[in-house]
């Protein structure tokens, strides 16, 4: 079989593309994480070749996520698109920043892709002025992963873990911690990721439609932060100081975590089959439109306007990423990638029960929750506001005034987003 995939690894200081002329059926892609995004693109290239394009070659070039964003920012700000790829992966939180900051740099795909087949929230975050720019890829749909054995030991059942409020989750968490000696969750006080999950579940975000800050006076923001403060002031959590420590805590140090579906591989690496289960996340009860569904992370594919062969790009994206249900089964099994194509939920892999999670059909559950995640506009300064939130969490953990913290967050965010 023809080699359809070429992977290029670049150190953080490397620049440039592979030397030599491009093949007639060749596309270049930039992304991060070779075992997830790279492997998924490799599977996509193979699927496209099998769909009648035997000469297709995909040149996958590996960079860190931060490096891709820096390279795009530098070149687009300088007004040059020389050397940019045909397709680039952009994290969902950063999409609006690039689309709004560099109009004309990315190709709108509104008339190319049938977006009715994708999760609404993934489409919304890549839409500007009525035009949608992404091929939706991996979902960050969230779940409440919990140790079923420890929950049972504390006197609770799987039914008790369904459709929780955060108040009830805290009650259960404190009971589990006391009964088992195992903290309910682990938290990095410098990372507001859990609060981000809580806020999106309400259908609200950091910004208004006009891009102005939506913090002070945002009742959903206040309600979510109040719930988060209750967690911080409880005895049910274990502090961790890095991503590595957080991952390690899932190997027996905590009874649950609330995060994106992409954590499944880490949980399975702990080799505790039958001791884990998954439920919808708790909801913010005081929020006007609180739900038990949210998102954390995720990314999508974007087409640069500098691409010399857009028709090939369109055909590749539509043939595989836009309609190939079997392909989505492959990357679910191979990489644990829950894609955003809703039709993929009907495939065999999504229907399969998972013995690691006690025979629960977890992939079907996640794909069902995916369609219910509230759509929000991430704006262009999500990470700046997250930084402002993080700097105020220690005070909240120490019992600080909630409204004072919100005022401080708003003031710091106003400076960071200027």
Protein backbone atom coordinates (compact mmCIF):
# COMPACT_ATOMS: atom_id res chain seq x y z
CA UNK A 1 0.00 0.00 0.00
CA UNK A 2 1.17 3.51 -0.72
CA UNK A 3 2.50 5.39 2.27
CA UNK A 4 -0.20 7.93 2.98
CA UNK A 5 1.13 9.54 6.12
CA UNK A 6 4.40 11.34 6.80
CA UNK A 7 5.07 12.59 10.30
CA UNK A 8 7.51 15.41 10.90
CA UNK A 9 8.64 16.28 14.40
CA UNK A 10 9.98 19.73 15.15
CA UNK A 11 11.80 20.90 18.25
CA UNK A 12 10.51 24.10 19.83
CA UNK A 13 13.13 26.14 18.01
CA UNK A 14 12.61 24.56 14.61
CA UNK A 15 10.91 26.42 11.79
CA UNK A 16 10.01 25.63 8.20
CA UNK A 17 8.50 22.76 6.31
CA UNK A 18 9.87 19.67 4.66
CA UNK A 19 12.10 20.42 1.73
CA UNK A 20 11.13 19.35 -1.76
CA UNK A 21 8.10 19.84 -4.01
CA UNK A 22 4.68 18.78 -2.80
CA UNK A 23 2.98 15.86 -4.45
CA UNK A 24 -0.14 16.47 -6.53
CA UNK A 25 -2.32 14.80 -3.88
CA UNK A 26 -0.54 16.07 -0.76
CA UNK A 27 -1.82 18.16 2.13
CA UNK A 28 0.11 19.51 5.11
CA UNK A 29 -1.36 19.51 8.61
CA UNK A 30 -0.11 21.07 11.83
CA UNK A 31 -1.25 19.62 15.17
CA UNK A 32 -0.05 18.48 18.58
CA UNK A 33 -0.13 15.14 20.45
CA UNK A 34 1.00 12.38 18.07
CA UNK A 35 -0.82 9.65 20.00
CA UNK A 36 -4.18 11.40 19.78
CA UNK A 37 -4.42 14.02 17.04
CA UNK A 38 -1.61 12.54 14.96
CA UNK A 39 -2.98 9.03 15.15
CA UNK A 40 -6.47 10.27 14.25
CA UNK A 41 -5.12 12.12 11.21
CA UNK A 42 -3.16 9.05 10.19
CA UNK A 43 -6.38 7.04 10.31
CA UNK A 44 -8.14 9.77 8.30
CA UNK A 45 -5.45 9.68 5.62
CA UNK A 46 -5.76 5.90 5.33
CA UNK A 47 -9.55 6.13 5.12
CA UNK A 48 -9.34 8.73 2.37
CA UNK A 49 -6.93 6.59 0.38
CA UNK A 50 -9.28 3.63 0.69
CA UNK A 51 -12.16 5.84 -0.47
CA UNK A 52 -10.59 6.10 -3.93
CA UNK A 53 -7.54 8.33 -3.52
CA UNK A 54 -4.59 5.90 -3.53
CA UNK A 55 -2.02 8.63 -4.27
CA UNK A 56 -3.05 10.83 -1.35
CA UNK A 57 -0.24 11.83 1.04
CA UNK A 58 -0.76 13.68 4.29
CA UNK A 59 2.28 15.45 5.74
CA UNK A 60 1.52 15.67 9.47
CA UNK A 61 3.85 18.10 11.25
CA UNK A 62 4.08 17.88 15.01
CA UNK A 63 4.37 20.95 17.23
CA UNK A 64 3.29 21.77 20.77
CA UNK A 65 -0.10 23.48 20.95
CA UNK A 66 1.42 26.67 22.31
CA UNK A 67 4.00 26.68 19.51
CA UNK A 68 1.34 26.36 16.83
CA UNK A 69 -0.53 29.32 18.26
CA UNK A 70 2.68 31.35 18.49
CA UNK A 71 3.66 30.53 14.91
CA UNK A 72 0.21 31.46 13.62
CA UNK A 73 0.14 34.65 15.66
CA UNK A 74 3.59 35.74 14.51
CA UNK A 75 3.06 35.11 10.82
CA UNK A 76 -0.49 36.38 10.57
CA UNK A 77 0.36 39.52 12.53
CA UNK A 78 3.22 40.11 10.10
CA UNK A 79 0.82 39.77 7.18
CA UNK A 80 2.50 36.75 5.65
CA UNK A 81 1.10 33.26 5.15
CA UNK A 82 4.16 31.74 3.49
CA UNK A 83 4.92 28.29 4.83
CA UNK A 84 1.64 27.82 6.67
CA UNK A 85 -0.09 24.43 6.34
CA UNK A 86 -3.26 23.58 4.48
CA UNK A 87 -5.00 22.49 7.69
CA UNK A 88 -4.25 23.44 11.29
CA UNK A 89 -5.66 22.21 14.58
CA UNK A 90 -6.82 24.99 16.92
CA UNK A 91 -8.07 24.52 20.46
CA UNK A 92 -11.69 25.58 20.87
CA UNK A 93 -10.87 28.18 23.52
CA UNK A 94 -8.52 29.95 21.06
CA UNK A 95 -10.65 29.75 17.92
CA UNK A 96 -12.46 33.06 18.25
CA UNK A 97 -9.20 34.87 19.00
CA UNK A 98 -7.73 33.83 15.66
CA UNK A 99 -10.92 34.25 13.64
CA UNK A 100 -11.60 37.75 14.96
CA UNK A 101 -7.99 38.94 15.08
CA UNK A 102 -7.11 37.79 11.56
CA UNK A 103 -10.13 38.13 9.26
CA UNK A 104 -9.47 36.52 5.89
CA UNK A 105 -6.74 34.21 7.16
CA UNK A 106 -9.04 31.20 7.46
CA UNK A 107 -11.40 29.82 4.85
CA UNK A 108 -15.11 29.83 5.75
CA UNK A 109 -16.60 26.37 5.31
CA UNK A 110 -20.27 27.29 5.63
CA UNK A 111 -21.02 26.27 2.05
CA UNK A 112 -18.69 23.27 2.17
CA UNK A 113 -19.75 21.32 5.26
CA UNK A 114 -23.23 20.26 6.37
CA UNK A 115 -23.05 21.53 9.94
CA UNK A 116 -26.50 20.20 10.80
CA UNK A 117 -24.81 16.86 11.42
CA UNK A 118 -22.52 18.14 14.17
CA UNK A 119 -22.97 19.08 17.82
CA UNK A 120 -24.42 22.60 17.98
CA UNK A 121 -21.97 23.93 20.54
CA UNK A 122 -18.97 22.92 18.42
CA UNK A 123 -20.41 24.74 15.42
CA UNK A 124 -21.27 27.86 17.40
CA UNK A 125 -17.77 28.38 18.76
CA UNK A 126 -16.31 28.47 15.24
CA UNK A 127 -18.92 30.84 13.81
CA UNK A 128 -18.30 34.56 13.22
CA UNK A 129 -20.75 36.92 11.49
CA UNK A 130 -22.79 34.03 10.14
CA UNK A 131 -19.83 32.13 8.69
CA UNK A 132 -18.52 28.88 10.20
CA UNK A 133 -14.85 28.05 9.78
CA UNK A 134 -14.06 24.69 11.35
CA UNK A 135 -14.35 21.01 10.68
CA UNK A 136 -15.43 19.99 14.20
CA UNK A 137 -13.19 17.34 15.73
CA UNK A 138 -12.79 16.05 19.26
CA UNK A 139 -15.29 16.81 21.93
CA UNK A 140 -14.42 17.81 25.44
CA UNK A 141 -17.83 16.59 26.64
CA UNK A 142 -17.57 16.10 30.39
CA UNK A 143 -18.59 13.40 32.82
CA UNK A 144 -18.49 12.56 36.49
CA UNK A 145 -16.05 9.65 36.67
CA UNK A 146 -16.36 7.92 40.04
CA UNK A 147 -15.06 4.87 41.91
CA UNK A 148 -18.13 2.67 42.08
CA UNK A 149 -16.55 0.47 44.77
CA UNK A 150 -15.90 3.42 47.10
CA UNK A 151 -19.31 4.94 46.45
CA UNK A 152 -20.90 1.60 47.38
CA UNK A 153 -18.68 1.30 50.46
CA UNK A 154 -20.05 4.65 51.64
CA UNK A 155 -23.62 3.42 51.22
CA UNK A 156 -24.53 4.96 47.86
CA UNK A 157 -25.68 3.41 44.58
CA UNK A 158 -25.30 4.23 40.90
CA UNK A 159 -28.77 5.75 41.00
CA UNK A 160 -27.61 8.14 43.72
CA UNK A 161 -24.97 9.52 41.34
CA UNK A 162 -27.41 10.50 38.58
CA UNK A 163 -28.54 14.07 37.87
CA UNK A 164 -26.87 15.56 40.92
CA UNK A 165 -26.71 19.16 42.00
CA UNK A 166 -23.37 20.41 43.27
CA UNK A 167 -24.83 20.65 46.79
CA UNK A 168 -25.73 16.97 46.67
CA UNK A 169 -22.37 16.07 45.15
CA UNK A 170 -20.62 17.77 48.06
CA UNK A 171 -22.82 15.92 50.57
CA UNK A 172 -21.97 12.60 48.95
CA UNK A 173 -18.32 13.57 48.62
CA UNK A 174 -17.96 14.41 52.29
CA UNK A 175 -19.69 11.15 53.24
CA UNK A 176 -17.44 9.12 50.92
CA UNK A 177 -14.32 10.84 52.22
CA UNK A 178 -15.30 10.15 55.83
CA UNK A 179 -16.39 6.56 55.24
CA UNK A 180 -13.47 5.45 53.06
CA UNK A 181 -10.64 7.79 54.02
CA UNK A 182 -10.29 8.62 50.31
CA UNK A 183 -10.85 12.23 49.20
CA UNK A 184 -13.71 12.63 46.74
CA UNK A 185 -11.73 14.70 44.21
CA UNK A 186 -8.36 16.31 43.58
CA UNK A 187 -7.97 19.98 42.67
CA UNK A 188 -5.13 22.23 41.57
CA UNK A 189 -5.89 25.58 43.22
CA UNK A 190 -4.06 27.31 40.36
CA UNK A 191 -6.25 25.73 37.66
CA UNK A 192 -9.91 26.83 37.44
CA UNK A 193 -10.79 24.05 35.00
CA UNK A 194 -13.59 22.67 37.17
CA UNK A 195 -15.15 26.12 37.49
CA UNK A 196 -14.99 26.47 33.69
CA UNK A 197 -16.97 23.23 33.42
CA UNK A 198 -19.52 24.46 35.94
CA UNK A 199 -20.02 27.80 34.20
CA UNK A 200 -20.52 26.40 30.69
CA UNK A 201 -23.09 23.97 32.07
CA UNK A 202 -25.26 27.01 32.84
CA UNK A 203 -25.10 28.27 29.25
CA UNK A 204 -23.22 31.38 30.37
CA UNK A 205 -19.64 32.52 29.81
CA UNK A 206 -17.12 35.25 30.60
CA UNK A 207 -18.24 37.56 27.80
CA UNK A 208 -21.32 39.19 26.32
CA UNK A 209 -22.13 38.97 22.60
CA UNK A 210 -20.29 42.25 21.97
CA UNK A 211 -17.12 40.88 23.59
CA UNK A 212 -17.45 42.88 26.81
CA UNK A 213 -16.85 41.13 30.12
CA UNK A 214 -19.79 39.29 31.65
CA UNK A 215 -18.61 38.77 35.21
CA UNK A 216 -20.06 41.33 37.60
CA UNK A 217 -23.84 41.10 37.53
CA UNK A 218 -23.73 37.66 35.89
CA UNK A 219 -25.91 35.59 38.22
CA UNK A 220 -24.83 32.30 36.62
CA UNK A 221 -21.17 33.19 37.20
CA UNK A 222 -21.94 33.98 40.82
CA UNK A 223 -23.96 30.80 41.34
CA UNK A 224 -21.24 28.61 39.85
CA UNK A 225 -18.52 30.32 41.87
CA UNK A 226 -20.58 29.91 45.04
CA UNK A 227 -20.78 26.16 44.41
CA UNK A 228 -17.07 26.07 43.70
CA UNK A 229 -16.30 27.89 46.92
CA UNK A 230 -18.31 25.28 48.82
CA UNK A 231 -16.07 22.59 47.35
CA UNK A 232 -12.93 24.54 48.27
CA UNK A 233 -14.13 24.97 51.85
CA UNK A 234 -15.07 21.30 52.24
CA UNK A 235 -12.86 18.47 53.47
CA UNK A 236 -13.53 16.30 50.44
CA UNK A 237 -10.68 17.33 48.13
CA UNK A 238 -7.02 16.51 47.79
CA UNK A 239 -4.69 19.32 46.65
CA UNK A 240 -2.43 18.65 43.66
CA UNK A 241 0.15 21.01 42.21
CA UNK A 242 0.48 19.95 38.57
CA UNK A 243 -1.16 18.05 35.75
CA UNK A 244 1.10 15.09 36.49
CA UNK A 245 -0.01 15.02 40.13
CA UNK A 246 -3.65 15.26 39.09
CA UNK A 247 -3.27 12.31 36.73
CA UNK A 248 -1.47 10.31 39.40
CA UNK A 249 -4.30 10.98 41.87
CA UNK A 250 -6.67 9.02 39.64
CA UNK A 251 -4.73 5.83 40.27
CA UNK A 252 -6.28 5.31 43.71
CA UNK A 253 -5.93 8.56 45.64
CA UNK A 254 -9.42 9.96 44.95
CA UNK A 255 -12.95 8.66 44.53
CA UNK A 256 -13.98 10.77 41.53
CA UNK A 257 -13.17 13.49 39.03
CA UNK A 258 -15.27 15.82 36.86
CA UNK A 259 -13.56 16.43 33.53
CA UNK A 260 -13.52 15.77 29.79
CA UNK A 261 -13.98 12.39 28.15
CA UNK A 262 -10.34 12.50 27.07
CA UNK A 263 -9.32 11.48 30.62
CA UNK A 264 -10.62 7.96 29.95
CA UNK A 265 -7.20 6.71 28.86
CA UNK A 266 -5.59 7.94 32.08
CA UNK A 267 -8.27 6.29 34.19
CA UNK A 268 -7.87 3.01 32.35
CA UNK A 269 -4.10 3.18 32.79
CA UNK A 270 -4.72 2.84 36.53
CA UNK A 271 -5.73 -0.78 35.84
CA UNK A 272 -8.76 -0.90 38.15
CA UNK A 273 -11.31 -2.64 35.91
CA UNK A 274 -14.84 -2.76 37.26
CA UNK A 275 -14.11 -0.14 39.91
CA UNK A 276 -15.05 2.95 37.89
CA UNK A 277 -18.33 4.27 36.50
CA UNK A 278 -19.48 7.46 34.79
CA UNK A 279 -22.49 9.74 35.35
CA UNK A 280 -23.53 13.17 34.07
CA UNK A 281 -21.82 16.03 35.87
CA UNK A 282 -23.61 17.85 38.72
CA UNK A 283 -25.54 20.99 37.80
CA UNK A 284 -25.52 24.50 39.23
CA UNK A 285 -28.95 24.48 40.85
CA UNK A 286 -29.21 28.25 41.30
CA UNK A 287 -28.49 28.96 37.63
CA UNK A 288 -31.50 29.91 35.54
CA UNK A 289 -30.71 27.29 32.89
CA UNK A 290 -28.44 24.91 34.76
CA UNK A 291 -27.81 21.55 33.08
CA UNK A 292 -25.86 18.37 33.84
CA UNK A 293 -23.80 18.73 30.65
CA UNK A 294 -20.67 20.68 29.81
CA UNK A 295 -17.35 20.74 27.97
CA UNK A 296 -13.68 21.04 28.84
CA UNK A 297 -11.10 21.36 26.10
CA UNK A 298 -11.60 20.07 22.59
CA UNK A 299 -10.29 21.28 19.24
CA UNK A 300 -11.18 21.46 15.55
CA UNK A 301 -9.54 21.61 12.12
CA UNK A 302 -9.24 24.92 10.24
CA UNK A 303 -8.30 25.60 6.62
CA UNK A 304 -5.78 28.35 5.91
CA UNK A 305 -6.60 30.65 3.00
CA UNK A 306 -3.02 30.17 1.82
CA UNK A 307 -3.77 26.56 0.87
CA UNK A 308 -3.01 25.94 -2.83
CA UNK A 309 -5.49 23.09 -3.16
CA UNK A 310 -8.68 23.92 -1.33
CA UNK A 311 -10.77 21.53 -3.41
CA UNK A 312 -8.62 18.63 -2.20
CA UNK A 313 -8.89 19.93 1.36
CA UNK A 314 -12.68 20.15 1.10
CA UNK A 315 -13.00 16.67 -0.37
CA UNK A 316 -10.70 15.13 2.24
CA UNK A 317 -12.52 16.79 5.13
CA UNK A 318 -15.99 15.99 3.83
CA UNK A 319 -15.24 12.43 2.75
CA UNK A 320 -13.70 11.40 6.07
CA UNK A 321 -14.30 13.88 8.90
CA UNK A 322 -17.69 14.98 7.60
CA UNK A 323 -19.39 11.68 6.90
CA UNK A 324 -17.35 8.50 7.49
CA UNK A 325 -19.05 6.87 10.47
CA UNK A 326 -16.69 3.86 10.34
CA UNK A 327 -13.71 6.19 10.66
CA UNK A 328 -15.17 7.63 13.86
CA UNK A 329 -15.56 4.10 15.25
CA UNK A 330 -11.87 3.49 14.52
CA UNK A 331 -10.59 6.57 16.33
CA UNK A 332 -12.94 5.94 19.25
CA UNK A 333 -11.50 2.47 19.74
CA UNK A 334 -7.93 3.42 18.86
CA UNK A 335 -7.56 6.82 20.50
CA UNK A 336 -10.61 7.24 22.71
CA UNK A 337 -11.60 10.20 20.53
CA UNK A 338 -15.26 11.15 20.85
CA UNK A 339 -15.86 13.09 17.66
CA UNK A 340 -18.52 15.73 17.06
CA UNK A 341 -20.32 14.02 14.16
CA UNK A 342 -23.67 13.06 15.65
CA UNK A 343 -24.29 10.20 13.19
CA UNK A 344 -21.25 8.40 14.59
CA UNK A 345 -23.29 7.63 17.71
CA UNK A 346 -25.12 4.94 15.75
CA UNK A 347 -21.94 2.99 15.03
CA UNK A 348 -21.08 -0.32 16.67
CA UNK A 349 -18.22 1.01 18.80
CA UNK A 350 -20.46 3.60 20.41
CA UNK A 351 -22.99 0.91 21.32
CA UNK A 352 -20.44 -1.34 22.98
CA UNK A 353 -20.43 -1.81 26.74
CA UNK A 354 -17.11 -1.28 28.49
CA UNK A 355 -16.10 -3.87 31.07
CA UNK A 356 -13.67 -1.44 32.66
CA UNK A 357 -16.66 0.69 33.63
CA UNK A 358 -18.70 -2.23 34.93
CA UNK A 359 -20.30 -2.98 31.58
CA UNK A 360 -21.64 0.56 31.18
CA UNK A 361 -22.12 1.81 27.58
CA UNK A 362 -19.94 4.82 28.34
CA UNK A 363 -19.35 5.88 24.74
CA UNK A 364 -23.07 5.99 24.04
CA UNK A 365 -23.55 7.98 27.23
CA UNK A 366 -20.90 10.52 26.31
CA UNK A 367 -22.19 10.87 22.78
CA UNK A 368 -25.71 11.46 24.10
CA UNK A 369 -24.46 14.12 26.52
CA UNK A 370 -22.49 15.71 23.69
CA UNK A 371 -25.67 16.80 21.97
CA UNK A 372 -26.87 18.56 25.14
CA UNK A 373 -23.82 20.68 25.95
CA UNK A 374 -24.83 24.38 26.07
CA UNK A 375 -23.25 26.46 23.32
CA UNK A 376 -21.33 29.51 24.52
CA UNK A 377 -19.12 32.08 22.80
CA UNK A 378 -15.60 31.60 24.16
CA UNK A 379 -14.51 35.01 22.86
CA UNK A 380 -10.85 35.89 22.43
CA UNK A 381 -9.64 36.18 26.02
CA UNK A 382 -10.73 32.95 27.73
CA UNK A 383 -7.28 32.17 29.10
CA UNK A 384 -6.80 35.71 30.39
CA UNK A 385 -10.02 35.50 32.39
CA UNK A 386 -9.08 32.05 33.64
CA UNK A 387 -5.88 33.57 34.97
CA UNK A 388 -7.86 36.23 36.84
CA UNK A 389 -10.11 33.55 38.34
CA UNK A 390 -7.18 31.40 39.40
CA UNK A 391 -5.52 34.24 41.29
CA UNK A 392 -8.62 34.65 43.47
CA UNK A 393 -9.29 31.01 44.30
CA UNK A 394 -6.95 30.81 47.34
CA UNK A 395 -8.88 33.65 49.00
CA UNK A 396 -12.17 31.86 48.37
CA UNK A 397 -10.74 28.65 49.83
CA UNK A 398 -9.86 30.62 52.97
CA UNK A 399 -13.44 31.84 53.33
CA UNK A 400 -13.15 35.13 51.49
CA UNK A 401 -16.21 37.12 50.50
CA UNK A 402 -17.74 35.84 47.26
CA UNK A 403 -18.81 39.21 45.87
CA UNK A 404 -15.46 40.77 46.69
CA UNK A 405 -13.75 37.96 44.80
CA UNK A 406 -16.03 38.50 41.81
CA UNK A 407 -15.19 42.20 41.83
CA UNK A 408 -11.48 41.40 41.96
CA UNK A 409 -11.80 38.88 39.11
CA UNK A 410 -13.64 41.44 36.98
CA UNK A 411 -11.03 44.14 37.67
CA UNK A 412 -8.10 41.85 36.90
CA UNK A 413 -9.80 40.50 33.79
CA UNK A 414 -10.43 44.04 32.55
CA UNK A 415 -6.69 44.73 32.70
CA UNK A 416 -5.70 41.41 31.12
CA UNK A 417 -8.14 41.76 28.22
CA UNK A 418 -7.25 45.32 27.20
